[in-house]
Amino acid sequence: MHKKILYIINPIAGTGSSNQLKKIIERTTHAAGIPFECITSNPSANYTAVKTKIKEEGFTDVVIAGGDGTVSQVVGALRDTAIQFGIIPVGSGNGLARAAKIPMDPQKALQLIFKETGKPTDGFSVNGQFACMLSGLGFDATVAHSFARQSTRGLFTYAKEVINNFGGASPYLFELSVEGYTLSLQAYMISIANANQYGNNFTIAPFANLNDGLLDIFIVLKQSKVSMLWQTLKQLLGYNPITQTGLHAPNSTILHWQTAALIIQNREGAALHIDGDPAPLQNELTIRVLPQAFRLIRNNN
């Protein structure tokens, strides 16, 4: 397949040098004989001019060099074009890239992009905002907001913010409507997952699939902090089974459902993140899967 690649590079993603990454991209793509251009990402997520550029100049691929937030913004803005997307994962967690089995090494990621074509991949919407990986309310969103305020990136900084916020974590009241069920519950966090992880192989939804038309809903209910840690560890290891959608037994500590849509009433103002980026407080969230929303160059099915 003939390719013409538009690279969109986030200059502040991750912990590495964007100038060095750009040199690797230019050298490797020149060597492959593929026409290309490099531009920087737009913090405001306004890619109207890029849409015109893709159409007028005949680009076939948009390759995003950044983390999950950048990927989400670019795909959300450009997915209604005929373009296919690639990822050079240089963010702090790279959850979507890891779920899609995209190599973490830029050179190897480029080789995958050069030889493969995009596969249909689900996304989802949160009150109309596009998401491609994982969003959530409560504790993990509080950490995402705290992490965004730090001057350094990477796994160490994220882990530090998890520890700093854990002691003050408390459950929130939510009301969920899903597949005919309506239930009120208190939970430390609610995660909505299309991919299987937050990033760095921190696998919060072991059974999630990028192309099954379903979202994995993972809810950590009110319980002791010790129990919360234990149940989260079991979830990471895949020991918490998927339960009937809407099921909430009195002694439940974890709920794990799969569904195509749900509505969440955020009764006590829990923080929100969308694909790892802090999002404004919202009191009601309408969430639905977007089957085969975009084409992603990836290794898995």
Protein backbone atom coordinates (compact mmCIF):
# COMPACT_ATOMS: atom_id res chain seq x y z
CA MET A 1 0.00 0.00 0.00
CA HIS A 2 1.26 3.46 -0.94
CA LYS A 3 1.62 5.63 2.13
CA LYS A 4 1.99 9.32 2.82
CA ILE A 5 2.38 10.01 6.52
CA LEU A 6 1.51 13.09 8.55
CA TYR A 7 3.30 12.89 11.91
CA ILE A 8 1.72 14.85 14.75
CA ILE A 9 4.25 15.19 17.58
CA ASN A 10 3.46 16.30 21.11
CA PRO A 11 6.62 18.20 22.10
CA ILE A 12 5.99 17.83 25.86
CA ALA A 13 4.85 14.19 26.02
CA GLY A 14 6.65 11.76 28.31
CA THR A 15 10.14 12.25 29.64
CA GLY A 16 12.27 12.11 26.49
CA SER A 17 13.48 14.69 23.96
CA SER A 18 11.02 15.61 21.19
CA ASN A 19 13.88 16.92 19.04
CA GLN A 20 15.64 13.56 19.19
CA LEU A 21 12.38 11.75 18.41
CA LYS A 22 11.78 13.97 15.39
CA LYS A 23 15.26 13.15 14.07
CA ILE A 24 14.54 9.43 14.45
CA ILE A 25 11.23 9.83 12.61
CA GLU A 26 12.78 11.83 9.78
CA ARG A 27 15.79 9.54 9.34
CA THR A 28 13.78 6.32 9.47
CA THR A 29 10.97 7.50 7.19
CA HIS A 30 13.42 8.90 4.64
CA ALA A 31 15.21 5.55 4.62
CA ALA A 32 11.90 3.76 3.96
CA GLY A 33 11.23 6.03 0.98
CA ILE A 34 7.86 7.19 2.32
CA PRO A 35 6.75 10.81 1.79
CA PHE A 36 5.91 12.55 5.06
CA GLU A 37 5.60 15.76 7.02
CA CYS A 38 5.93 16.53 10.74
CA ILE A 39 3.79 19.00 12.66
CA THR A 40 3.28 19.61 16.38
CA SER A 41 0.10 18.77 18.26
CA ASN A 42 -2.40 21.48 19.11
CA PRO A 43 -3.10 21.85 22.86
CA SER A 44 -6.56 23.27 22.06
CA ALA A 45 -7.40 20.15 19.99
CA ASN A 46 -8.37 22.33 17.02
CA TYR A 47 -7.44 20.29 13.95
CA THR A 48 -9.73 21.90 11.37
CA ALA A 49 -6.80 23.05 9.24
CA VAL A 50 -5.22 19.59 9.52
CA LYS A 51 -8.40 18.03 8.10
CA THR A 52 -8.10 20.27 5.06
CA LYS A 53 -4.41 19.45 4.75
CA ILE A 54 -5.09 15.69 4.80
CA LYS A 55 -7.68 15.99 2.04
CA GLU A 56 -5.78 18.41 -0.20
CA GLU A 57 -2.35 16.77 0.11
CA GLY A 58 -3.40 13.12 0.00
CA PHE A 59 -2.12 11.84 3.33
CA THR A 60 -3.02 8.22 4.03
CA ASP A 61 -1.80 7.92 7.63
CA VAL A 62 -1.74 10.17 10.67
CA VAL A 63 0.88 8.98 13.14
CA ILE A 64 0.65 10.42 16.63
CA ALA A 65 3.83 10.71 18.69
CA GLY A 66 2.54 11.26 22.20
CA GLY A 67 0.61 9.75 25.05
CA ASP A 68 -2.98 8.63 25.45
CA GLY A 69 -4.35 12.14 25.86
CA THR A 70 -2.80 13.31 22.60
CA VAL A 71 -3.96 10.18 20.79
CA SER A 72 -7.50 10.71 22.06
CA GLN A 73 -7.58 14.36 20.97
CA VAL A 74 -6.19 13.73 17.49
CA VAL A 75 -8.28 10.65 16.75
CA GLY A 76 -11.41 12.38 18.05
CA ALA A 77 -10.79 15.34 15.75
CA LEU A 78 -9.79 13.43 12.60
CA ARG A 79 -11.56 10.06 12.75
CA ASP A 80 -14.33 11.15 10.37
CA THR A 81 -11.77 11.41 7.56
CA ALA A 82 -10.62 8.38 5.58
CA ILE A 83 -7.29 8.41 7.41
CA GLN A 84 -5.77 5.53 9.34
CA PHE A 85 -3.88 6.13 12.58
CA GLY A 86 -0.56 4.98 13.95
CA ILE A 87 1.02 5.59 17.34
CA ILE A 88 4.60 6.21 18.40
CA PRO A 89 4.11 5.80 22.16
CA VAL A 90 6.09 8.41 24.05
CA GLY A 91 3.65 9.29 26.83
CA SER A 92 3.78 8.51 30.53
CA GLY A 93 1.60 5.39 30.40
CA ASN A 94 0.82 4.58 26.75
CA GLY A 95 -2.19 2.47 27.70
CA LEU A 96 -3.78 2.26 24.24
CA ALA A 97 -0.48 1.42 22.55
CA ARG A 98 0.26 -1.33 25.06
CA ALA A 99 -3.26 -2.76 24.70
CA ALA A 100 -2.80 -2.73 20.93
CA LYS A 101 0.61 -4.46 21.20
CA ILE A 102 2.39 -1.51 19.59
CA PRO A 103 6.14 -1.58 20.36
CA MET A 104 7.36 0.96 22.91
CA ASP A 105 10.58 1.48 20.95
CA PRO A 106 10.03 4.26 18.36
CA GLN A 107 12.05 2.48 15.68
CA LYS A 108 10.01 -0.71 16.06
CA ALA A 109 6.75 1.24 16.19
CA LEU A 110 7.71 2.92 12.91
CA GLN A 111 8.41 -0.42 11.24
CA LEU A 112 4.95 -1.63 12.25
CA ILE A 113 3.42 1.56 10.82
CA PHE A 114 5.31 1.18 7.55
CA LYS A 115 4.23 -2.42 6.89
CA GLU A 116 0.69 -2.68 8.30
CA THR A 117 -2.71 -1.19 7.59
CA GLY A 118 -5.25 0.00 10.12
CA LYS A 119 -7.70 -2.35 11.83
CA PRO A 120 -11.20 -1.27 12.90
CA THR A 121 -11.04 -0.18 16.53
CA ASP A 122 -13.78 0.85 18.96
CA GLY A 123 -13.94 4.13 20.81
CA PHE A 124 -16.55 5.60 23.14
CA SER A 125 -18.10 8.91 24.02
CA VAL A 126 -18.49 10.66 27.38
CA ASN A 127 -21.17 13.33 27.05
CA GLY A 128 -20.24 13.59 23.39
CA GLN A 129 -16.48 13.82 23.96
CA PHE A 130 -14.51 11.12 22.20
CA ALA A 131 -12.40 8.68 24.20
CA CYS A 132 -10.35 5.79 22.88
CA MET A 133 -8.90 4.08 25.93
CA LEU A 134 -10.11 4.51 29.52
CA SER A 135 -11.98 7.15 31.48
CA GLY A 136 -13.11 7.27 35.06
CA LEU A 137 -14.63 8.97 38.08
CA GLY A 138 -13.33 9.14 41.64
CA PHE A 139 -9.95 8.13 42.97
CA ASP A 140 -8.13 7.47 39.68
CA ALA A 141 -9.43 10.78 38.31
CA THR A 142 -8.23 12.59 41.45
CA VAL A 143 -4.78 11.12 40.77
CA ALA A 144 -4.99 12.21 37.11
CA HIS A 145 -5.78 15.79 38.16
CA SER A 146 -2.92 15.76 40.68
CA PHE A 147 -0.50 14.22 38.17
CA ALA A 148 -1.32 16.92 35.60
CA ARG A 149 -0.17 19.60 38.05
CA GLN A 150 3.29 18.09 38.48
CA SER A 151 6.36 19.42 36.71
CA THR A 152 7.68 15.94 35.88
CA ARG A 153 6.06 13.03 34.02
CA GLY A 154 6.57 9.28 33.97
CA LEU A 155 5.70 6.23 36.06
CA PHE A 156 7.58 7.36 39.18
CA THR A 157 5.67 10.64 39.36
CA TYR A 158 2.36 8.88 38.78
CA ALA A 159 3.08 6.29 41.49
CA LYS A 160 4.01 9.09 43.88
CA GLU A 161 0.66 10.80 43.27
CA VAL A 162 -1.23 7.53 43.82
CA ILE A 163 0.47 7.17 47.22
CA ASN A 164 -0.03 10.85 48.12
CA ASN A 165 -3.77 10.68 47.38
CA PHE A 166 -4.52 7.22 48.77
CA GLY A 167 -4.73 8.23 52.43
CA GLY A 168 -7.40 10.84 51.74
CA ALA A 169 -9.45 8.72 49.35
CA SER A 170 -13.13 8.39 50.20
CA PRO A 171 -16.13 6.86 48.44
CA TYR A 172 -18.65 8.92 46.46
CA LEU A 173 -22.34 8.42 45.88
CA PHE A 174 -23.32 7.49 42.33
CA GLU A 175 -26.51 6.43 40.61
CA LEU A 176 -26.11 4.21 37.55
CA SER A 177 -28.59 3.34 34.82
CA VAL A 178 -27.52 0.41 32.68
CA GLU A 179 -29.51 -2.06 30.56
CA GLY A 180 -32.76 -1.44 32.40
CA TYR A 181 -31.22 -1.44 35.89
CA THR A 182 -30.97 1.63 38.10
CA LEU A 183 -28.97 1.42 41.28
CA SER A 184 -27.37 3.73 43.82
CA LEU A 185 -23.97 2.87 45.26
CA GLN A 186 -21.00 4.30 47.07
CA ALA A 187 -17.70 3.73 45.29
CA TYR A 188 -14.11 4.89 45.43
CA MET A 189 -13.97 4.89 41.65
CA ILE A 190 -15.73 3.89 38.45
CA SER A 191 -13.57 3.05 35.42
CA ILE A 192 -14.94 2.84 31.88
CA ALA A 193 -12.50 0.83 29.80
CA ASN A 194 -12.21 0.19 26.08
CA ALA A 195 -8.55 -0.83 26.42
CA ASN A 196 -7.43 -3.19 29.15
CA GLN A 197 -5.20 -0.85 31.16
CA TYR A 198 -4.33 2.58 32.51
CA GLY A 199 -0.83 2.29 31.08
CA ASN A 200 2.54 0.85 32.06
CA ASN A 201 0.79 -2.59 31.95
CA PHE A 202 -1.38 -1.63 34.94
CA THR A 203 -4.21 -3.85 33.73
CA ILE A 204 -7.47 -2.71 35.28
CA ALA A 205 -9.79 -4.49 32.79
CA PRO A 206 -8.14 -7.81 31.90
CA PHE A 207 -10.99 -8.93 29.63
CA ALA A 208 -11.37 -5.69 27.65
CA ASN A 209 -11.07 -5.92 23.88
CA LEU A 210 -10.49 -3.07 21.44
CA ASN A 211 -12.99 -4.39 18.93
CA ASP A 212 -15.83 -6.21 20.73
CA GLY A 213 -18.45 -3.45 20.78
CA LEU A 214 -18.45 -3.42 24.59
CA LEU A 215 -17.06 -1.34 27.43
CA ASP A 216 -15.74 -2.86 30.65
CA ILE A 217 -17.13 -1.09 33.71
CA PHE A 218 -15.00 -1.60 36.83
CA ILE A 219 -16.36 -0.27 40.14
CA VAL A 220 -14.52 -0.31 43.47
CA LEU A 221 -17.28 -0.14 46.07
CA LYS A 222 -17.08 1.29 49.59
CA GLN A 223 -14.88 -0.97 51.79
CA SER A 224 -11.81 -0.76 53.99
CA LYS A 225 -8.59 0.54 52.44
CA VAL A 226 -6.92 -2.85 53.01
CA SER A 227 -9.75 -4.60 51.21
CA MET A 228 -9.59 -2.01 48.43
CA LEU A 229 -5.91 -2.78 47.83
CA TRP A 230 -6.53 -6.53 47.84
CA GLN A 231 -9.50 -6.38 45.48
CA THR A 232 -7.62 -4.08 43.10
CA LEU A 233 -4.69 -6.52 43.06
CA LYS A 234 -7.11 -9.36 42.24
CA GLN A 235 -8.51 -7.25 39.41
CA LEU A 236 -5.05 -6.62 38.00
CA LEU A 237 -4.38 -10.37 38.01
CA GLY A 238 -7.71 -11.17 36.35
CA TYR A 239 -9.30 -12.96 39.33
CA ASN A 240 -12.44 -10.82 39.56
CA PRO A 241 -14.97 -12.36 37.15
CA ILE A 242 -17.27 -10.36 34.91
CA THR A 243 -20.64 -10.23 36.66
CA GLN A 244 -24.18 -9.79 35.43
CA THR A 245 -24.75 -6.23 34.29
CA GLY A 246 -26.49 -4.27 37.02
CA LEU A 247 -25.84 -6.90 39.70
CA HIS A 248 -25.05 -5.40 43.10
CA ALA A 249 -25.14 -7.89 45.95
CA PRO A 250 -25.10 -6.42 49.49
CA ASN A 251 -21.64 -7.85 50.22
CA SER A 252 -20.05 -6.81 46.91
CA THR A 253 -16.69 -5.08 46.99
CA ILE A 254 -16.00 -5.06 43.23
CA LEU A 255 -18.39 -4.86 40.29
CA HIS A 256 -17.15 -5.69 36.80
CA TRP A 257 -19.68 -5.43 33.99
CA GLN A 258 -19.54 -5.34 30.20
CA THR A 259 -22.06 -3.14 28.43
CA ALA A 260 -22.44 -0.89 25.39
CA ALA A 261 -23.88 2.12 27.25
CA LEU A 262 -24.67 3.54 30.66
CA ILE A 263 -25.64 6.75 32.43
CA ILE A 264 -23.93 7.86 35.64
CA GLN A 265 -25.30 10.44 38.05
CA ASN A 266 -22.31 11.91 39.85
CA ARG A 267 -24.08 12.87 43.10
CA GLU A 268 -21.10 14.14 45.11
CA GLY A 269 -18.86 15.77 42.55
CA ALA A 270 -16.27 13.04 41.98
CA ALA A 271 -13.40 14.10 39.73
CA LEU A 272 -13.41 12.96 36.08
CA HIS A 273 -10.66 12.01 33.66
CA ILE A 274 -10.99 11.18 29.98
CA ASP A 275 -8.19 9.03 28.58
CA GLY A 276 -5.96 10.07 31.48
CA ASP A 277 -6.42 13.82 31.02
CA PRO A 278 -8.29 15.82 33.67
CA ALA A 279 -11.80 16.81 32.59
CA PRO A 280 -14.22 19.38 34.04
CA LEU A 281 -16.66 18.25 36.72
CA GLN A 282 -19.87 16.79 35.27
CA ASN A 283 -22.90 15.80 37.33
CA GLU A 284 -24.39 13.44 34.73
CA LEU A 285 -22.48 11.36 32.22
CA THR A 286 -23.95 9.57 29.22
CA ILE A 287 -21.46 7.00 28.00
CA ARG A 288 -21.76 4.80 24.93
CA VAL A 289 -19.46 2.66 22.86
CA LEU A 290 -18.65 3.75 19.28
CA PRO A 291 -18.07 0.48 17.42
CA GLN A 292 -15.27 0.52 14.83
CA ALA A 293 -14.82 4.25 15.39
CA PHE A 294 -11.38 4.49 13.76
CA ARG A 295 -8.70 2.43 12.04
CA LEU A 296 -5.58 1.83 14.15
CA ILE A 297 -2.34 0.24 12.98
CA ARG A 298 -1.80 -2.41 15.64
CA ASN A 299 -0.47 -5.90 16.23
CA ASN A 300 -3.46 -7.56 17.87
CA ASN A 301 -6.90 -8.39 16.53
